[in-house]
Amino acid sequence: MSHTRAVLLVTHTGRPEARAAAHEAVALLTEAGIAVRVLAEEAEDRLPVGVHPVEAAPGAAEGCELVVVLGGDGTILRGAEIARPTGTPVLGVNLGHVGFLAEAERDGLSYTVDHVVRRSYEVEERLTVDVWVFRDGEVVATGWAVNEVSVEKAARERMLELVVGVDGHPLSRWGCDGVVVATPTGSTAYAFSAGGPVVWPEVEAMLVVPISAHALFARPLVVSPESVVAVDVGARKPGGVMWCDGRRTVDLPPGVRVELRRGALPVRLARMHRPPFTDRLVAKFALPVEGWRGARYGEDADPAT
């Protein structure tokens, strides 16, 4: 029995460049006999043959080989949100600025579609973070993130008072603008802007990065992926707000506890090629590498001698 191949196409329809790229991708995919699903909210009035609208629900990518995303990192995060419940890999084509999560660029769209048609890609899993908000011991909200969860002050003129703990032990109290708990994938996003380290994607860890903390000890931390990070919001100070990947938000009244741990479900990214992460850093941040003398010296030397 033959089964029709299908992909879910997610794009930023508010941008003319994205709409043009979507039309090109649809034409290339349908010509190759691959059915294309699009989100109903992004669908045009008249869709080409082979294109089917679906609601942006947890099962939107069910039965699809890939979720192909045309846009910047924000749109790719949206695609990951849709793809995660079904474990469908996400393939991002960058139409934004940095596009750290993207696998390809706009000018290589036909090349990318060709890889999809030939199934010429690999899939890697990225660690996520699950989060629970407790009030008086009861769960009042939950969430998850592939980049980061941030606890931030809600009012610009007010500072948050947070007590952070790891694995059931208190670590420090910070008067601050907030704290970011990030994955290695998110280490080049908000956590990076807050002064956190860049962590290679192969490293399994969680980052805890305070934001503008008034404290002697306020350094970024790298903790085990099996650790539980707890953030207590001061009961006598104004509350804050929690953001998951900068997309989903929860109000945090005074006195709540936010607990974060390794996500139960990873996000799966499709990769057409696997260049070293160092090369990706250099390319995305336009890092100066003049003076580099090639491969490391003593590459063939025996370290035991």
C-alpha atoms as a PDB file:
ATOM      1  CA  MET A   1       0.000   0.000   0.000  1.00  0.00           C
ATOM      2  CA  SER A   2       1.369   3.432  -0.907  1.00  0.00           C
ATOM      3  CA  HIS A   3       1.068   6.398   1.402  1.00  0.00           C
ATOM      4  CA  THR A   4       1.050  10.010   0.304  1.00  0.00           C
ATOM      5  CA  ARG A   5       4.009  11.896   1.674  1.00  0.00           C
ATOM      6  CA  ALA A   6       3.167  15.139   3.469  1.00  0.00           C
ATOM      7  CA  VAL A   7       4.847  18.100   5.139  1.00  0.00           C
ATOM      8  CA  LEU A   8       3.421  20.925   7.223  1.00  0.00           C
ATOM      9  CA  LEU A   9       4.510  24.361   6.020  1.00  0.00           C
ATOM     10  CA  VAL A  10       4.688  27.154   8.621  1.00  0.00           C
ATOM     11  CA  THR A  11       5.559  30.672   7.556  1.00  0.00           C
ATOM     12  CA  HIS A  12       5.409  34.337   8.562  1.00  0.00           C
ATOM     13  CA  THR A  13       2.618  35.437   6.231  1.00  0.00           C
ATOM     14  CA  GLY A  14       2.898  39.062   7.325  1.00  0.00           C
ATOM     15  CA  ARG A  15       6.076  39.454   5.275  1.00  0.00           C
ATOM     16  CA  PRO A  16       5.976  39.591   1.455  1.00  0.00           C
ATOM     17  CA  GLU A  17       9.302  37.730   1.244  1.00  0.00           C
ATOM     18  CA  ALA A  18       7.881  34.912   3.335  1.00  0.00           C
ATOM     19  CA  ARG A  19       4.742  34.637   1.193  1.00  0.00           C
ATOM     20  CA  ALA A  20       6.853  34.491  -1.974  1.00  0.00           C
ATOM     21  CA  ALA A  21       9.061  31.778  -0.445  1.00  0.00           C
ATOM     22  CA  ALA A  22       5.965  29.831   0.631  1.00  0.00           C
ATOM     23  CA  HIS A  23       4.554  29.912  -2.920  1.00  0.00           C
ATOM     24  CA  GLU A  24       7.866  28.652  -4.285  1.00  0.00           C
ATOM     25  CA  ALA A  25       8.124  25.896  -1.697  1.00  0.00           C
ATOM     26  CA  VAL A  26       4.543  24.752  -2.308  1.00  0.00           C
ATOM     27  CA  ALA A  27       5.141  24.577  -6.065  1.00  0.00           C
ATOM     28  CA  LEU A  28       8.357  22.567  -5.665  1.00  0.00           C
ATOM     29  CA  LEU A  29       6.896  20.148  -3.108  1.00  0.00           C
ATOM     30  CA  THR A  30       3.605  19.471  -4.883  1.00  0.00           C
ATOM     31  CA  GLU A  31       5.427  19.011  -8.189  1.00  0.00           C
ATOM     32  CA  ALA A  32       7.421  16.268  -6.470  1.00  0.00           C
ATOM     33  CA  GLY A  33       4.198  14.594  -5.326  1.00  0.00           C
ATOM     34  CA  ILE A  34       4.416  15.676  -1.685  1.00  0.00           C
ATOM     35  CA  ALA A  35       1.189  16.928  -0.115  1.00  0.00           C
ATOM     36  CA  VAL A  36       1.489  20.225   1.761  1.00  0.00           C
ATOM     37  CA  ARG A  37      -0.455  21.201   4.844  1.00  0.00           C
ATOM     38  CA  VAL A  38      -0.666  24.841   5.873  1.00  0.00           C
ATOM     39  CA  LEU A  39      -2.098  26.379   9.003  1.00  0.00           C
ATOM     40  CA  ALA A  40      -5.657  27.560   8.430  1.00  0.00           C
ATOM     41  CA  GLU A  41      -4.811  30.998   9.818  1.00  0.00           C
ATOM     42  CA  GLU A  42      -2.080  31.318   7.173  1.00  0.00           C
ATOM     43  CA  ALA A  43      -4.048  29.857   4.265  1.00  0.00           C
ATOM     44  CA  GLU A  44      -5.046  31.988   1.308  1.00  0.00           C
ATOM     45  CA  ASP A  45      -8.581  32.035  -0.100  1.00  0.00           C
ATOM     46  CA  ARG A  46      -7.717  29.732  -2.979  1.00  0.00           C
ATOM     47  CA  LEU A  47      -5.187  26.993  -2.357  1.00  0.00           C
ATOM     48  CA  PRO A  48      -3.368  25.040  -5.089  1.00  0.00           C
ATOM     49  CA  VAL A  49      -4.147  21.364  -5.608  1.00  0.00           C
ATOM     50  CA  GLY A  50      -2.295  19.285  -3.042  1.00  0.00           C
ATOM     51  CA  VAL A  51      -2.397  21.962  -0.330  1.00  0.00           C
ATOM     52  CA  HIS A  52      -4.652  21.378   2.698  1.00  0.00           C
ATOM     53  CA  PRO A  53      -5.406  23.757   5.595  1.00  0.00           C
ATOM     54  CA  VAL A  54      -5.260  22.438   9.174  1.00  0.00           C
ATOM     55  CA  GLU A  55      -5.889  24.052  12.537  1.00  0.00           C
ATOM     56  CA  ALA A  56      -2.865  24.972  14.668  1.00  0.00           C
ATOM     57  CA  ALA A  57      -3.682  22.212  17.177  1.00  0.00           C
ATOM     58  CA  PRO A  58      -1.391  19.645  18.877  1.00  0.00           C
ATOM     59  CA  GLY A  59      -2.109  17.121  16.109  1.00  0.00           C
ATOM     60  CA  ALA A  60      -1.502  19.477  13.179  1.00  0.00           C
ATOM     61  CA  ALA A  61       1.696  17.673  12.142  1.00  0.00           C
ATOM     62  CA  GLU A  62       0.373  14.137  12.676  1.00  0.00           C
ATOM     63  CA  GLY A  63       1.443  11.960   9.744  1.00  0.00           C
ATOM     64  CA  CYS A  64       3.835  14.573   8.328  1.00  0.00           C
ATOM     65  CA  GLU A  65       7.470  13.805   7.617  1.00  0.00           C
ATOM     66  CA  LEU A  66       8.589  17.325   8.476  1.00  0.00           C
ATOM     67  CA  VAL A  67       7.454  20.719   9.645  1.00  0.00           C
ATOM     68  CA  VAL A  68       9.137  23.109   7.193  1.00  0.00           C
ATOM     69  CA  VAL A  69       9.372  26.614   8.607  1.00  0.00           C
ATOM     70  CA  LEU A  70      10.035  29.734   6.542  1.00  0.00           C
ATOM     71  CA  GLY A  71      11.046  32.630   8.768  1.00  0.00           C
ATOM     72  CA  GLY A  72      13.330  33.760  11.551  1.00  0.00           C
ATOM     73  CA  ASP A  73      13.962  32.112  14.910  1.00  0.00           C
ATOM     74  CA  GLY A  74      10.601  33.323  16.253  1.00  0.00           C
ATOM     75  CA  THR A  75       8.723  31.553  13.469  1.00  0.00           C
ATOM     76  CA  ILE A  76      10.877  28.449  13.916  1.00  0.00           C
ATOM     77  CA  LEU A  77       9.993  28.429  17.625  1.00  0.00           C
ATOM     78  CA  ARG A  78       6.344  28.582  16.612  1.00  0.00           C
ATOM     79  CA  GLY A  79       6.890  25.623  14.292  1.00  0.00           C
ATOM     80  CA  ALA A  80       8.607  23.716  17.110  1.00  0.00           C
ATOM     81  CA  GLU A  81       5.619  24.390  19.343  1.00  0.00           C
ATOM     82  CA  ILE A  82       3.328  22.774  16.760  1.00  0.00           C
ATOM     83  CA  ALA A  83       5.702  19.890  15.966  1.00  0.00           C
ATOM     84  CA  ARG A  84       6.667  18.828  19.493  1.00  0.00           C
ATOM     85  CA  PRO A  85       3.480  16.903  20.461  1.00  0.00           C
ATOM     86  CA  THR A  86       3.867  14.525  17.488  1.00  0.00           C
ATOM     87  CA  GLY A  87       7.671  14.381  17.522  1.00  0.00           C
ATOM     88  CA  THR A  88       7.809  15.665  13.939  1.00  0.00           C
ATOM     89  CA  PRO A  89      11.232  17.051  12.939  1.00  0.00           C
ATOM     90  CA  VAL A  90      11.467  20.770  12.181  1.00  0.00           C
ATOM     91  CA  LEU A  91      13.429  22.080   9.210  1.00  0.00           C
ATOM     92  CA  GLY A  92      13.968  25.842   9.289  1.00  0.00           C
ATOM     93  CA  VAL A  93      14.718  28.085   6.324  1.00  0.00           C
ATOM     94  CA  ASN A  94      16.021  31.427   7.558  1.00  0.00           C
ATOM     95  CA  LEU A  95      14.228  34.564   6.403  1.00  0.00           C
ATOM     96  CA  GLY A  96      15.249  36.590   9.446  1.00  0.00           C
ATOM     97  CA  HIS A  97      18.527  38.069  10.659  1.00  0.00           C
ATOM     98  CA  VAL A  98      20.609  35.626  12.706  1.00  0.00           C
ATOM     99  CA  GLY A  99      18.454  32.517  12.337  1.00  0.00           C
ATOM    100  CA  PHE A 100      20.418  30.307  14.730  1.00  0.00           C
ATOM    101  CA  LEU A 101      17.811  27.550  14.627  1.00  0.00           C
ATOM    102  CA  ALA A 102      17.570  27.535  10.837  1.00  0.00           C
ATOM    103  CA  GLU A 103      19.212  24.878   8.711  1.00  0.00           C
ATOM    104  CA  ALA A 104      19.147  26.722   5.378  1.00  0.00           C
ATOM    105  CA  GLU A 105      18.963  30.197   3.879  1.00  0.00           C
ATOM    106  CA  ARG A 106      16.378  31.676   1.529  1.00  0.00           C
ATOM    107  CA  ASP A 107      18.610  31.551  -1.558  1.00  0.00           C
ATOM    108  CA  GLY A 108      18.989  27.794  -1.094  1.00  0.00           C
ATOM    109  CA  LEU A 109      15.262  27.000  -0.974  1.00  0.00           C
ATOM    110  CA  SER A 110      15.236  24.748  -4.061  1.00  0.00           C
ATOM    111  CA  TYR A 111      18.296  22.913  -2.697  1.00  0.00           C
ATOM    112  CA  THR A 112      16.472  22.446   0.617  1.00  0.00           C
ATOM    113  CA  VAL A 113      13.309  21.116  -1.020  1.00  0.00           C
ATOM    114  CA  ASP A 114      15.430  18.706  -3.051  1.00  0.00           C
ATOM    115  CA  HIS A 115      16.833  17.287   0.195  1.00  0.00           C
ATOM    116  CA  VAL A 116      13.302  16.923   1.540  1.00  0.00           C
ATOM    117  CA  VAL A 117      12.182  15.106  -1.605  1.00  0.00           C
ATOM    118  CA  ARG A 118      15.147  12.722  -1.421  1.00  0.00           C
ATOM    119  CA  ARG A 119      14.829  12.354   2.362  1.00  0.00           C
ATOM    120  CA  SER A 120      18.447  13.453   2.512  1.00  0.00           C
ATOM    121  CA  TYR A 121      18.574  14.733   6.075  1.00  0.00           C
ATOM    122  CA  GLU A 122      19.311  13.558   9.600  1.00  0.00           C
ATOM    123  CA  VAL A 123      17.379  14.275  12.773  1.00  0.00           C
ATOM    124  CA  GLU A 124      18.841  15.423  16.064  1.00  0.00           C
ATOM    125  CA  GLU A 125      17.070  15.902  19.373  1.00  0.00           C
ATOM    126  CA  ARG A 126      17.365  19.085  21.404  1.00  0.00           C
ATOM    127  CA  LEU A 127      16.843  19.229  25.154  1.00  0.00           C
ATOM    128  CA  THR A 128      13.826  21.211  26.349  1.00  0.00           C
ATOM    129  CA  VAL A 129      12.746  22.598  29.732  1.00  0.00           C
ATOM    130  CA  ASP A 130       9.449  21.841  31.486  1.00  0.00           C
ATOM    131  CA  VAL A 131       8.179  24.318  34.068  1.00  0.00           C
ATOM    132  CA  TRP A 132       5.561  24.293  36.821  1.00  0.00           C
ATOM    133  CA  VAL A 133       4.229  27.251  38.839  1.00  0.00           C
ATOM    134  CA  PHE A 134       3.142  26.455  42.404  1.00  0.00           C
ATOM    135  CA  ARG A 135       1.006  28.572  44.722  1.00  0.00           C
ATOM    136  CA  ASP A 136       0.552  27.288  48.265  1.00  0.00           C
ATOM    137  CA  GLY A 137       1.778  23.894  47.101  1.00  0.00           C
ATOM    138  CA  GLU A 138      -0.752  23.625  44.247  1.00  0.00           C
ATOM    139  CA  VAL A 139       0.137  23.676  40.548  1.00  0.00           C
ATOM    140  CA  VAL A 140      -1.464  26.772  38.985  1.00  0.00           C
ATOM    141  CA  ALA A 141       0.328  26.814  35.617  1.00  0.00           C
ATOM    142  CA  THR A 142       2.663  24.725  33.471  1.00  0.00           C
ATOM    143  CA  GLY A 143       4.760  25.332  30.383  1.00  0.00           C
ATOM    144  CA  TRP A 144       7.821  24.313  28.401  1.00  0.00           C
ATOM    145  CA  ALA A 145      10.526  25.861  26.253  1.00  0.00           C
ATOM    146  CA  VAL A 146      13.181  24.845  23.754  1.00  0.00           C
ATOM    147  CA  ASN A 147      15.236  28.024  24.242  1.00  0.00           C
ATOM    148  CA  GLU A 148      14.520  29.398  27.690  1.00  0.00           C
ATOM    149  CA  VAL A 149      12.089  30.142  30.483  1.00  0.00           C
ATOM    150  CA  SER A 150      12.503  33.595  31.987  1.00  0.00           C
ATOM    151  CA  VAL A 151      11.095  34.976  35.232  1.00  0.00           C
ATOM    152  CA  GLU A 152      11.034  38.762  34.921  1.00  0.00           C
ATOM    153  CA  LYS A 153       9.739  41.818  36.684  1.00  0.00           C
ATOM    154  CA  ALA A 154       6.355  42.976  35.433  1.00  0.00           C
ATOM    155  CA  ALA A 155       6.863  46.685  36.109  1.00  0.00           C
ATOM    156  CA  ARG A 156       9.876  48.524  34.772  1.00  0.00           C
ATOM    157  CA  GLU A 157      10.371  50.612  37.928  1.00  0.00           C
ATOM    158  CA  ARG A 158      10.156  47.669  40.364  1.00  0.00           C
ATOM    159  CA  MET A 159      12.834  45.111  41.133  1.00  0.00           C
ATOM    160  CA  LEU A 160      12.068  41.433  41.688  1.00  0.00           C
ATOM    161  CA  GLU A 161      13.208  39.609  44.792  1.00  0.00           C
ATOM    162  CA  LEU A 162      14.013  36.014  43.906  1.00  0.00           C
ATOM    163  CA  VAL A 163      15.482  33.137  45.891  1.00  0.00           C
ATOM    164  CA  VAL A 164      17.007  30.490  43.625  1.00  0.00           C
ATOM    165  CA  GLY A 165      17.671  26.913  44.637  1.00  0.00           C
ATOM    166  CA  VAL A 166      19.039  23.782  42.958  1.00  0.00           C
ATOM    167  CA  ASP A 167      18.001  20.208  43.805  1.00  0.00           C
ATOM    168  CA  GLY A 168      16.127  21.189  46.946  1.00  0.00           C
ATOM    169  CA  HIS A 169      18.896  23.393  48.394  1.00  0.00           C
ATOM    170  CA  PRO A 170      18.861  27.217  48.476  1.00  0.00           C
ATOM    171  CA  LEU A 171      21.567  28.908  46.420  1.00  0.00           C
ATOM    172  CA  SER A 172      21.169  32.680  46.666  1.00  0.00           C
ATOM    173  CA  ARG A 173      18.728  35.572  46.944  1.00  0.00           C
ATOM    174  CA  TRP A 174      18.823  38.152  44.196  1.00  0.00           C
ATOM    175  CA  GLY A 175      17.277  41.580  43.876  1.00  0.00           C
ATOM    176  CA  CYS A 176      17.167  41.644  40.094  1.00  0.00           C
ATOM    177  CA  ASP A 177      15.312  42.228  36.858  1.00  0.00           C
ATOM    178  CA  GLY A 178      14.804  38.471  36.567  1.00  0.00           C
ATOM    179  CA  VAL A 179      16.465  35.147  35.821  1.00  0.00           C
ATOM    180  CA  VAL A 180      16.740  33.046  32.658  1.00  0.00           C
ATOM    181  CA  VAL A 181      16.824  29.246  32.732  1.00  0.00           C
ATOM    182  CA  ALA A 182      18.007  28.135  29.303  1.00  0.00           C
ATOM    183  CA  THR A 183      18.923  25.043  27.328  1.00  0.00           C
ATOM    184  CA  PRO A 184      22.125  24.734  25.277  1.00  0.00           C
ATOM    185  CA  THR A 185      19.989  25.581  22.230  1.00  0.00           C
ATOM    186  CA  GLY A 186      18.886  28.775  23.967  1.00  0.00           C
ATOM    187  CA  SER A 187      22.387  29.700  25.106  1.00  0.00           C
ATOM    188  CA  THR A 188      22.764  31.893  22.001  1.00  0.00           C
ATOM    189  CA  ALA A 189      19.416  33.643  22.574  1.00  0.00           C
ATOM    190  CA  TYR A 190      18.147  35.565  25.640  1.00  0.00           C
ATOM    191  CA  ALA A 191      20.662  33.921  27.986  1.00  0.00           C
ATOM    192  CA  PHE A 192      23.491  35.132  25.750  1.00  0.00           C
ATOM    193  CA  SER A 193      22.157  38.708  25.867  1.00  0.00           C
ATOM    194  CA  ALA A 194      21.996  38.465  29.673  1.00  0.00           C
ATOM    195  CA  GLY A 195      25.690  37.498  29.851  1.00  0.00           C
ATOM    196  CA  GLY A 196      25.457  33.725  29.881  1.00  0.00           C
ATOM    197  CA  PRO A 197      27.927  31.352  28.220  1.00  0.00           C
ATOM    198  CA  VAL A 198      27.543  29.792  24.794  1.00  0.00           C
ATOM    199  CA  VAL A 199      27.066  26.042  25.231  1.00  0.00           C
ATOM    200  CA  TRP A 200      27.617  23.555  22.406  1.00  0.00           C
ATOM    201  CA  PRO A 201      24.345  21.749  21.510  1.00  0.00           C
ATOM    202  CA  GLU A 202      25.870  18.322  22.237  1.00  0.00           C
ATOM    203  CA  VAL A 203      26.301  19.300  25.893  1.00  0.00           C
ATOM    204  CA  GLU A 204      23.332  18.314  28.038  1.00  0.00           C
ATOM    205  CA  ALA A 205      22.876  20.966  30.713  1.00  0.00           C
ATOM    206  CA  MET A 206      20.681  23.790  31.930  1.00  0.00           C
ATOM    207  CA  LEU A 207      21.864  27.371  32.319  1.00  0.00           C
ATOM    208  CA  VAL A 208      20.777  29.693  35.122  1.00  0.00           C
ATOM    209  CA  VAL A 209      21.509  33.320  34.216  1.00  0.00           C
ATOM    210  CA  PRO A 210      20.497  36.224  36.492  1.00  0.00           C
ATOM    211  CA  ILE A 211      19.439  39.477  34.830  1.00  0.00           C
ATOM    212  CA  SER A 212      20.956  42.656  36.313  1.00  0.00           C
ATOM    213  CA  ALA A 213      21.207  41.153  39.801  1.00  0.00           C
ATOM    214  CA  HIS A 214      22.296  43.331  42.723  1.00  0.00           C
ATOM    215  CA  ALA A 215      24.321  40.701  44.570  1.00  0.00           C
ATOM    216  CA  LEU A 216      27.931  39.748  45.187  1.00  0.00           C
ATOM    217  CA  PHE A 217      27.316  36.276  43.758  1.00  0.00           C
ATOM    218  CA  ALA A 218      25.368  36.686  40.537  1.00  0.00           C
ATOM    219  CA  ARG A 219      27.283  34.659  37.979  1.00  0.00           C
ATOM    220  CA  PRO A 220      25.760  32.465  35.272  1.00  0.00           C
ATOM    221  CA  LEU A 221      25.530  28.828  36.334  1.00  0.00           C
ATOM    222  CA  VAL A 222      25.618  25.576  34.363  1.00  0.00           C
ATOM    223  CA  VAL A 223      23.804  22.744  36.145  1.00  0.00           C
ATOM    224  CA  SER A 224      23.073  19.096  35.425  1.00  0.00           C
ATOM    225  CA  PRO A 225      20.219  18.322  33.025  1.00  0.00           C
ATOM    226  CA  GLU A 226      18.801  16.110  35.786  1.00  0.00           C
ATOM    227  CA  SER A 227      18.731  18.959  38.310  1.00  0.00           C
ATOM    228  CA  VAL A 228      15.609  20.770  39.474  1.00  0.00           C
ATOM    229  CA  VAL A 229      15.922  24.560  39.539  1.00  0.00           C
ATOM    230  CA  ALA A 230      13.505  26.404  41.831  1.00  0.00           C
ATOM    231  CA  VAL A 231      12.797  30.148  41.731  1.00  0.00           C
ATOM    232  CA  ASP A 232      10.829  31.584  44.657  1.00  0.00           C
ATOM    233  CA  VAL A 233       9.207  34.963  44.042  1.00  0.00           C
ATOM    234  CA  GLY A 234       9.354  37.165  47.144  1.00  0.00           C
ATOM    235  CA  ALA A 235       6.078  37.392  49.047  1.00  0.00           C
ATOM    236  CA  ARG A 236       6.551  41.004  50.169  1.00  0.00           C
ATOM    237  CA  LYS A 237       7.561  42.434  46.805  1.00  0.00           C
ATOM    238  CA  PRO A 238       5.610  42.912  43.564  1.00  0.00           C
ATOM    239  CA  GLY A 239       5.195  39.768  41.470  1.00  0.00           C
ATOM    240  CA  GLY A 240       6.496  39.183  37.987  1.00  0.00           C
ATOM    241  CA  VAL A 241       5.822  37.426  34.734  1.00  0.00           C
ATOM    242  CA  MET A 242       7.101  34.162  33.258  1.00  0.00           C
ATOM    243  CA  TRP A 243       7.884  33.832  29.556  1.00  0.00           C
ATOM    244  CA  CYS A 244       8.431  30.547  27.714  1.00  0.00           C
ATOM    245  CA  ASP A 245      10.522  31.106  24.580  1.00  0.00           C
ATOM    246  CA  GLY A 246       9.283  34.703  24.554  1.00  0.00           C
ATOM    247  CA  ARG A 247       5.971  33.392  23.180  1.00  0.00           C
ATOM    248  CA  ARG A 248       3.822  32.117  26.056  1.00  0.00           C
ATOM    249  CA  THR A 249       3.366  34.105  29.239  1.00  0.00           C
ATOM    250  CA  VAL A 250       2.082  33.488  32.788  1.00  0.00           C
ATOM    251  CA  ASP A 251       1.565  36.154  35.465  1.00  0.00           C
ATOM    252  CA  LEU A 252       3.437  35.418  38.698  1.00  0.00           C
ATOM    253  CA  PRO A 253       1.882  36.874  41.867  1.00  0.00           C
ATOM    254  CA  PRO A 254       4.058  37.354  44.969  1.00  0.00           C
ATOM    255  CA  GLY A 255       4.861  34.178  46.877  1.00  0.00           C
ATOM    256  CA  VAL A 256       4.756  31.648  44.023  1.00  0.00           C
ATOM    257  CA  ARG A 257       7.422  29.078  43.245  1.00  0.00           C
ATOM    258  CA  VAL A 258       8.619  28.259  39.729  1.00  0.00           C
ATOM    259  CA  GLU A 259      10.224  24.828  39.273  1.00  0.00           C
ATOM    260  CA  LEU A 260      12.102  23.824  36.142  1.00  0.00           C
ATOM    261  CA  ARG A 261      13.573  20.538  34.990  1.00  0.00           C
ATOM    262  CA  ARG A 262      14.532  18.667  31.840  1.00  0.00           C
ATOM    263  CA  GLY A 263      11.618  18.482  29.400  1.00  0.00           C
ATOM    264  CA  ALA A 264       9.817  15.162  28.975  1.00  0.00           C
ATOM    265  CA  LEU A 265       9.654  15.712  25.197  1.00  0.00           C
ATOM    266  CA  PRO A 266      12.614  16.967  23.144  1.00  0.00           C
ATOM    267  CA  VAL A 267      12.329  19.081  20.027  1.00  0.00           C
ATOM    268  CA  ARG A 268      13.607  17.285  16.916  1.00  0.00           C
ATOM    269  CA  LEU A 269      15.513  19.289  14.301  1.00  0.00           C
ATOM    270  CA  ALA A 270      16.181  18.100  10.757  1.00  0.00           C
ATOM    271  CA  ARG A 271      19.733  18.660   9.548  1.00  0.00           C
ATOM    272  CA  MET A 272      20.818  18.422   5.909  1.00  0.00           C
ATOM    273  CA  HIS A 273      24.462  18.651   6.901  1.00  0.00           C
ATOM    274  CA  ARG A 274      26.336  18.860  10.181  1.00  0.00           C
ATOM    275  CA  PRO A 275      28.957  21.594  10.097  1.00  0.00           C
ATOM    276  CA  PRO A 276      30.875  22.087  13.348  1.00  0.00           C
ATOM    277  CA  PHE A 277      29.059  24.346  15.800  1.00  0.00           C
ATOM    278  CA  THR A 278      32.174  26.541  15.822  1.00  0.00           C
ATOM    279  CA  ASP A 279      31.604  27.304  12.139  1.00  0.00           C
ATOM    280  CA  ARG A 280      27.960  28.166  12.824  1.00  0.00           C
ATOM    281  CA  LEU A 281      29.000  30.600  15.559  1.00  0.00           C
ATOM    282  CA  VAL A 282      31.526  32.273  13.285  1.00  0.00           C
ATOM    283  CA  ALA A 283      29.021  32.579  10.425  1.00  0.00           C
ATOM    284  CA  LYS A 284      26.018  33.766  12.457  1.00  0.00           C
ATOM    285  CA  PHE A 285      27.928  36.299  14.574  1.00  0.00           C
ATOM    286  CA  ALA A 286      30.412  37.289  11.849  1.00  0.00           C
ATOM    287  CA  LEU A 287      33.280  36.578  14.251  1.00  0.00           C
ATOM    288  CA  PRO A 288      36.799  37.711  13.266  1.00  0.00           C
ATOM    289  CA  VAL A 289      39.059  34.725  12.671  1.00  0.00           C
ATOM    290  CA  GLU A 290      42.006  36.367  10.912  1.00  0.00           C
ATOM    291  CA  GLY A 291      45.294  34.903  12.093  1.00  0.00           C
ATOM    292  CA  TRP A 292      43.993  31.372  12.499  1.00  0.00           C
ATOM    293  CA  ARG A 293      46.753  28.957  11.480  1.00  0.00           C
ATOM    294  CA  GLY A 294      44.630  25.938  10.579  1.00  0.00           C
ATOM    295  CA  ALA A 295      44.167  22.620  12.370  1.00  0.00           C
ATOM    296  CA  ARG A 296      45.593  22.353  15.877  1.00  0.00           C
ATOM    297  CA  TYR A 297      49.281  21.628  16.331  1.00  0.00           C
ATOM    298  CA  GLY A 298      50.198  18.159  17.507  1.00  0.00           C
ATOM    299  CA  GLU A 299      46.945  16.718  16.127  1.00  0.00           C
ATOM    300  CA  ASP A 300      48.592  13.348  15.583  1.00  0.00           C
ATOM    301  CA  ALA A 301      50.626  13.380  18.767  1.00  0.00           C
ATOM    302  CA  ASP A 302      50.007  10.753  21.431  1.00  0.00           C
ATOM    303  CA  PRO A 303      48.916  12.593  24.620  1.00  0.00           C
ATOM    304  CA  ALA A 304      50.317   9.743  26.710  1.00  0.00           C
ATOM    305  CA  THR A 305      53.885  10.389  25.536  1.00  0.00           C
END
